[in-house]
Amino acid sequence: MIKKEDLDKLATRLGPIFYIALFIIMAKGITYLIIGATNLVEHSYQLGYSLGSLIENILS
């Protein structure tokens, strides 16, 4: 069985590594979120432009 003191030492040593890994994962997630939002805006703009052109062609 692992002693409580050994477990505390292990937690103390792994703490910074855990926070660094968590920071990297969060940064990657935020990057994917920004890329997804940018792609959504771009596709919405293209769809709006295409729809506007279609309506313009129908009305003219």
PDB file of N, CA and C in Angstrom:
ATOM      1  N   MET A   1       0.843  -1.180   0.000  1.00  0.00           N
ATOM      2  CA  MET A   1       0.000   0.000   0.000  1.00  0.00           C
ATOM      3  C   MET A   1       0.891   1.247   0.000  1.00  0.00           C
ATOM      4  N   ILE A   2       0.465   2.269  -0.705  1.00  0.00           N
ATOM      5  CA  ILE A   2       1.245   3.505  -0.786  1.00  0.00           C
ATOM      6  C   ILE A   2       1.000   4.342   0.470  1.00  0.00           C
ATOM      7  N   LYS A   3       2.080   4.864   1.009  1.00  0.00           N
ATOM      8  CA  LYS A   3       1.961   5.712   2.197  1.00  0.00           C
ATOM      9  C   LYS A   3       1.440   7.091   1.795  1.00  0.00           C
ATOM     10  N   LYS A   4       0.797   7.733   2.729  1.00  0.00           N
ATOM     11  CA  LYS A   4       0.244   9.063   2.474  1.00  0.00           C
ATOM     12  C   LYS A   4       1.351  10.065   2.157  1.00  0.00           C
ATOM     13  N   GLU A   5       2.496   9.946   2.818  1.00  0.00           N
ATOM     14  CA  GLU A   5       3.607  10.860   2.577  1.00  0.00           C
ATOM     15  C   GLU A   5       4.135  10.716   1.150  1.00  0.00           C
ATOM     16  N   ASP A   6       4.243   9.461   0.687  1.00  0.00           N
ATOM     17  CA  ASP A   6       4.707   9.227  -0.681  1.00  0.00           C
ATOM     18  C   ASP A   6       3.715   9.779  -1.695  1.00  0.00           C
ATOM     19  N   LEU A   7       2.452   9.626  -1.394  1.00  0.00           N
ATOM     20  CA  LEU A   7       1.414  10.145  -2.287  1.00  0.00           C
ATOM     21  C   LEU A   7       1.456  11.670  -2.339  1.00  0.00           C
ATOM     22  N   ASP A   8       1.694  12.304  -1.209  1.00  0.00           N
ATOM     23  CA  ASP A   8       1.817  13.763  -1.165  1.00  0.00           C
ATOM     24  C   ASP A   8       3.030  14.242  -1.959  1.00  0.00           C
ATOM     25  N   LYS A   9       4.159  13.522  -1.840  1.00  0.00           N
ATOM     26  CA  LYS A   9       5.354  13.879  -2.606  1.00  0.00           C
ATOM     27  C   LYS A   9       5.096  13.752  -4.105  1.00  0.00           C
ATOM     28  N   LEU A  10       4.421  12.671  -4.494  1.00  0.00           N
ATOM     29  CA  LEU A  10       4.116  12.458  -5.908  1.00  0.00           C
ATOM     30  C   LEU A  10       3.198  13.555  -6.436  1.00  0.00           C
ATOM     31  N   ALA A  11       2.193  13.914  -5.660  1.00  0.00           N
ATOM     32  CA  ALA A  11       1.272  14.974  -6.066  1.00  0.00           C
ATOM     33  C   ALA A  11       1.999  16.307  -6.192  1.00  0.00           C
ATOM     34  N   THR A  12       2.941  16.559  -5.289  1.00  0.00           N
ATOM     35  CA  THR A  12       3.714  17.801  -5.337  1.00  0.00           C
ATOM     36  C   THR A  12       4.591  17.847  -6.584  1.00  0.00           C
ATOM     37  N   ARG A  13       5.162  16.720  -6.952  1.00  0.00           N
ATOM     38  CA  ARG A  13       6.025  16.678  -8.138  1.00  0.00           C
ATOM     39  C   ARG A  13       5.225  16.747  -9.433  1.00  0.00           C
ATOM     40  N   LEU A  14       4.064  16.124  -9.464  1.00  0.00           N
ATOM     41  CA  LEU A  14       3.281  16.078 -10.697  1.00  0.00           C
ATOM     42  C   LEU A  14       2.369  17.287 -10.875  1.00  0.00           C
ATOM     43  N   GLY A  15       2.218  18.098  -9.840  1.00  0.00           N
ATOM     44  CA  GLY A  15       1.337  19.261  -9.913  1.00  0.00           C
ATOM     45  C   GLY A  15       1.660  20.199 -11.064  1.00  0.00           C
ATOM     46  N   PRO A  16       2.901  20.699 -11.166  1.00  0.00           N
ATOM     47  CA  PRO A  16       3.229  21.612 -12.269  1.00  0.00           C
ATOM     48  C   PRO A  16       3.057  20.971 -13.647  1.00  0.00           C
ATOM     49  N   ILE A  17       3.399  19.703 -13.769  1.00  0.00           N
ATOM     50  CA  ILE A  17       3.237  19.008 -15.052  1.00  0.00           C
ATOM     51  C   ILE A  17       1.761  18.948 -15.426  1.00  0.00           C
ATOM     52  N   PHE A  18       0.916  18.678 -14.434  1.00  0.00           N
ATOM     53  CA  PHE A  18      -0.526  18.628 -14.678  1.00  0.00           C
ATOM     54  C   PHE A  18      -1.036  19.980 -15.167  1.00  0.00           C
ATOM     55  N   TYR A  19      -0.592  21.066 -14.525  1.00  0.00           N
ATOM     56  CA  TYR A  19      -1.061  22.393 -14.923  1.00  0.00           C
ATOM     57  C   TYR A  19      -0.544  22.786 -16.303  1.00  0.00           C
ATOM     58  N   ILE A  20       0.678  22.410 -16.630  1.00  0.00           N
ATOM     59  CA  ILE A  20       1.213  22.701 -17.963  1.00  0.00           C
ATOM     60  C   ILE A  20       0.423  21.943 -19.023  1.00  0.00           C
ATOM     61  N   ALA A  21       0.140  20.665 -18.768  1.00  0.00           N
ATOM     62  CA  ALA A  21      -0.645  19.872 -19.718  1.00  0.00           C
ATOM     63  C   ALA A  21      -2.049  20.446 -19.863  1.00  0.00           C
ATOM     64  N   LEU A  22      -2.646  20.868 -18.768  1.00  0.00           N
ATOM     65  CA  LEU A  22      -3.979  21.464 -18.812  1.00  0.00           C
ATOM     66  C   LEU A  22      -3.962  22.759 -19.616  1.00  0.00           C
ATOM     67  N   PHE A  23      -2.927  23.571 -19.449  1.00  0.00           N
ATOM     68  CA  PHE A  23      -2.802  24.814 -20.207  1.00  0.00           C
ATOM     69  C   PHE A  23      -2.681  24.531 -21.698  1.00  0.00           C
ATOM     70  N   ILE A  24      -1.874  23.531 -22.067  1.00  0.00           N
ATOM     71  CA  ILE A  24      -1.699  23.189 -23.483  1.00  0.00           C
ATOM     72  C   ILE A  24      -3.018  22.707 -24.080  1.00  0.00           C
ATOM     73  N   ILE A  25      -3.736  21.865 -23.354  1.00  0.00           N
ATOM     74  CA  ILE A  25      -5.017  21.357 -23.849  1.00  0.00           C
ATOM     75  C   ILE A  25      -6.016  22.495 -24.012  1.00  0.00           C
ATOM     76  N   MET A  26      -6.058  23.404 -23.041  1.00  0.00           N
ATOM     77  CA  MET A  26      -6.987  24.532 -23.137  1.00  0.00           C
ATOM     78  C   MET A  26      -6.616  25.454 -24.295  1.00  0.00           C
ATOM     79  N   ALA A  27      -5.329  25.700 -24.489  1.00  0.00           N
ATOM     80  CA  ALA A  27      -4.893  26.563 -25.586  1.00  0.00           C
ATOM     81  C   ALA A  27      -5.264  25.946 -26.927  1.00  0.00           C
ATOM     82  N   LYS A  28      -5.073  24.637 -27.049  1.00  0.00           N
ATOM     83  CA  LYS A  28      -5.427  23.952 -28.294  1.00  0.00           C
ATOM     84  C   LYS A  28      -6.934  24.007 -28.527  1.00  0.00           C
ATOM     85  N   GLY A  29      -7.711  23.815 -27.469  1.00  0.00           N
ATOM     86  CA  GLY A  29      -9.166  23.884 -27.590  1.00  0.00           C
ATOM     87  C   GLY A  29      -9.643  25.267 -27.995  1.00  0.00           C
ATOM     88  N   ILE A  30      -9.049  26.297 -27.406  1.00  0.00           N
ATOM     89  CA  ILE A  30      -9.421  27.667 -27.767  1.00  0.00           C
ATOM     90  C   ILE A  30      -9.037  27.957 -29.207  1.00  0.00           C
ATOM     91  N   THR A  31      -7.893  27.446 -29.647  1.00  0.00           N
ATOM     92  CA  THR A  31      -7.480  27.632 -31.039  1.00  0.00           C
ATOM     93  C   THR A  31      -8.480  26.994 -31.991  1.00  0.00           C
ATOM     94  N   TYR A  32      -8.907  25.755 -31.694  1.00  0.00           N
ATOM     95  CA  TYR A  32      -9.901  25.100 -32.540  1.00  0.00           C
ATOM     96  C   TYR A  32     -11.226  25.850 -32.522  1.00  0.00           C
ATOM     97  N   LEU A  33     -11.596  26.422 -31.390  1.00  0.00           N
ATOM     98  CA  LEU A  33     -12.828  27.192 -31.288  1.00  0.00           C
ATOM     99  C   LEU A  33     -12.758  28.444 -32.158  1.00  0.00           C
ATOM    100  N   ILE A  34     -11.626  29.131 -32.136  1.00  0.00           N
ATOM    101  CA  ILE A  34     -11.455  30.334 -32.954  1.00  0.00           C
ATOM    102  C   ILE A  34     -11.465  29.977 -34.434  1.00  0.00           C
ATOM    103  N   ILE A  35     -10.785  28.899 -34.809  1.00  0.00           N
ATOM    104  CA  ILE A  35     -10.766  28.470 -36.212  1.00  0.00           C
ATOM    105  C   ILE A  35     -12.171  28.098 -36.670  1.00  0.00           C
ATOM    106  N   GLY A  36     -12.911  27.386 -35.829  1.00  0.00           N
ATOM    107  CA  GLY A  36     -14.279  27.006 -36.175  1.00  0.00           C
ATOM    108  C   GLY A  36     -15.177  28.212 -36.343  1.00  0.00           C
ATOM    109  N   ALA A  37     -15.054  29.186 -35.454  1.00  0.00           N
ATOM    110  CA  ALA A  37     -15.871  30.398 -35.556  1.00  0.00           C
ATOM    111  C   ALA A  37     -15.518  31.179 -36.819  1.00  0.00           C
ATOM    112  N   THR A  38     -14.240  31.242 -37.143  1.00  0.00           N
ATOM    113  CA  THR A  38     -13.812  31.938 -38.356  1.00  0.00           C
ATOM    114  C   THR A  38     -14.367  31.254 -39.599  1.00  0.00           C
ATOM    115  N   ASN A  39     -14.305  29.930 -39.639  1.00  0.00           N
ATOM    116  CA  ASN A  39     -14.853  29.197 -40.782  1.00  0.00           C
ATOM    117  C   ASN A  39     -16.356  29.382 -40.890  1.00  0.00           C
ATOM    118  N   LEU A  40     -17.044  29.422 -39.757  1.00  0.00           N
ATOM    119  CA  LEU A  40     -18.488  29.627 -39.765  1.00  0.00           C
ATOM    120  C   LEU A  40     -18.837  30.993 -40.345  1.00  0.00           C
ATOM    121  N   VAL A  41     -18.108  32.019 -39.938  1.00  0.00           N
ATOM    122  CA  VAL A  41     -18.353  33.367 -40.462  1.00  0.00           C
ATOM    123  C   VAL A  41     -18.063  33.415 -41.954  1.00  0.00           C
ATOM    124  N   GLU A  42     -16.991  32.787 -42.372  1.00  0.00           N
ATOM    125  CA  GLU A  42     -16.625  32.791 -43.790  1.00  0.00           C
ATOM    126  C   GLU A  42     -17.690  32.092 -44.632  1.00  0.00           C
ATOM    127  N   HIS A  43     -18.160  30.933 -44.173  1.00  0.00           N
ATOM    128  CA  HIS A  43     -19.178  30.217 -44.929  1.00  0.00           C
ATOM    129  C   HIS A  43     -20.508  30.964 -44.916  1.00  0.00           C
ATOM    130  N   SER A  44     -20.826  31.622 -43.826  1.00  0.00           N
ATOM    131  CA  SER A  44     -22.055  32.412 -43.764  1.00  0.00           C
ATOM    132  C   SER A  44     -21.987  33.566 -44.753  1.00  0.00           C
ATOM    133  N   TYR A  45     -20.831  34.202 -44.839  1.00  0.00           N
ATOM    134  CA  TYR A  45     -20.657  35.302 -45.782  1.00  0.00           C
ATOM    135  C   TYR A  45     -20.817  34.808 -47.217  1.00  0.00           C
ATOM    136  N   GLN A  46     -20.192  33.668 -47.541  1.00  0.00           N
ATOM    137  CA  GLN A  46     -20.298  33.117 -48.889  1.00  0.00           C
ATOM    138  C   GLN A  46     -21.731  32.724 -49.210  1.00  0.00           C
ATOM    139  N   LEU A  47     -22.420  32.137 -48.239  1.00  0.00           N
ATOM    140  CA  LEU A  47     -23.808  31.745 -48.445  1.00  0.00           C
ATOM    141  C   LEU A  47     -24.684  32.974 -48.654  1.00  0.00           C
ATOM    142  N   GLY A  48     -24.461  34.019 -47.875  1.00  0.00           N
ATOM    143  CA  GLY A  48     -25.220  35.259 -48.040  1.00  0.00           C
ATOM    144  C   GLY A  48     -24.961  35.893 -49.391  1.00  0.00           C
ATOM    145  N   TYR A  49     -23.722  35.882 -49.837  1.00  0.00           N
ATOM    146  CA  TYR A  49     -23.390  36.443 -51.146  1.00  0.00           C
ATOM    147  C   TYR A  49     -24.066  35.642 -52.253  1.00  0.00           C
ATOM    148  N   SER A  50     -24.030  34.309 -52.145  1.00  0.00           N
ATOM    149  CA  SER A  50     -24.665  33.461 -53.157  1.00  0.00           C
ATOM    150  C   SER A  50     -26.172  33.661 -53.164  1.00  0.00           C
ATOM    151  N   LEU A  51     -26.770  33.754 -51.996  1.00  0.00           N
ATOM    152  CA  LEU A  51     -28.212  33.968 -51.904  1.00  0.00           C
ATOM    153  C   LEU A  51     -28.585  35.333 -52.474  1.00  0.00           C
ATOM    154  N   GLY A  52     -27.778  36.347 -52.186  1.00  0.00           N
ATOM    155  CA  GLY A  52     -28.027  37.678 -52.745  1.00  0.00           C
ATOM    156  C   GLY A  52     -27.930  37.674 -54.257  1.00  0.00           C
ATOM    157  N   SER A  53     -26.954  36.978 -54.803  1.00  0.00           N
ATOM    158  CA  SER A  53     -26.815  36.888 -56.261  1.00  0.00           C
ATOM    159  C   SER A  53     -28.000  36.161 -56.874  1.00  0.00           C
ATOM    160  N   LEU A  54     -28.460  35.104 -56.214  1.00  0.00           N
ATOM    161  CA  LEU A  54     -29.610  34.354 -56.707  1.00  0.00           C
ATOM    162  C   LEU A  54     -30.860  35.225 -56.724  1.00  0.00           C
ATOM    163  N   ILE A  55     -31.097  35.960 -55.646  1.00  0.00           N
ATOM    164  CA  ILE A  55     -32.272  36.844 -55.589  1.00  0.00           C
ATOM    165  C   ILE A  55     -32.161  37.943 -56.637  1.00  0.00           C
ATOM    166  N   GLU A  56     -30.957  38.475 -56.823  1.00  0.00           N
ATOM    167  CA  GLU A  56     -30.753  39.522 -57.824  1.00  0.00           C
ATOM    168  C   GLU A  56     -31.047  38.988 -59.223  1.00  0.00           C
ATOM    169  N   ASN A  57     -30.615  37.761 -59.515  1.00  0.00           N
ATOM    170  CA  ASN A  57     -30.872  37.175 -60.830  1.00  0.00           C
ATOM    171  C   ASN A  57     -32.354  36.884 -61.030  1.00  0.00           C
ATOM    172  N   ILE A  58     -33.044  36.481 -59.977  1.00  0.00           N
ATOM    173  CA  ILE A  58     -34.475  36.191 -60.092  1.00  0.00           C
ATOM    174  C   ILE A  58     -35.256  37.477 -60.339  1.00  0.00           C
ATOM    175  N   LEU A  59     -34.901  38.553 -59.647  1.00  0.00           N
ATOM    176  CA  LEU A  59     -35.651  39.803 -59.753  1.00  0.00           C
ATOM    177  C   LEU A  59     -35.322  40.593 -61.007  1.00  0.00           C
ATOM    178  N   SER A  60     -34.198  40.322 -61.642  1.00  0.00           N
ATOM    179  CA  SER A  60     -33.850  41.107 -62.831  1.00  0.00           C
ATOM    180  C   SER A  60     -34.259  40.424 -64.110  1.00  0.00           C
TER     181      SER A  60
END
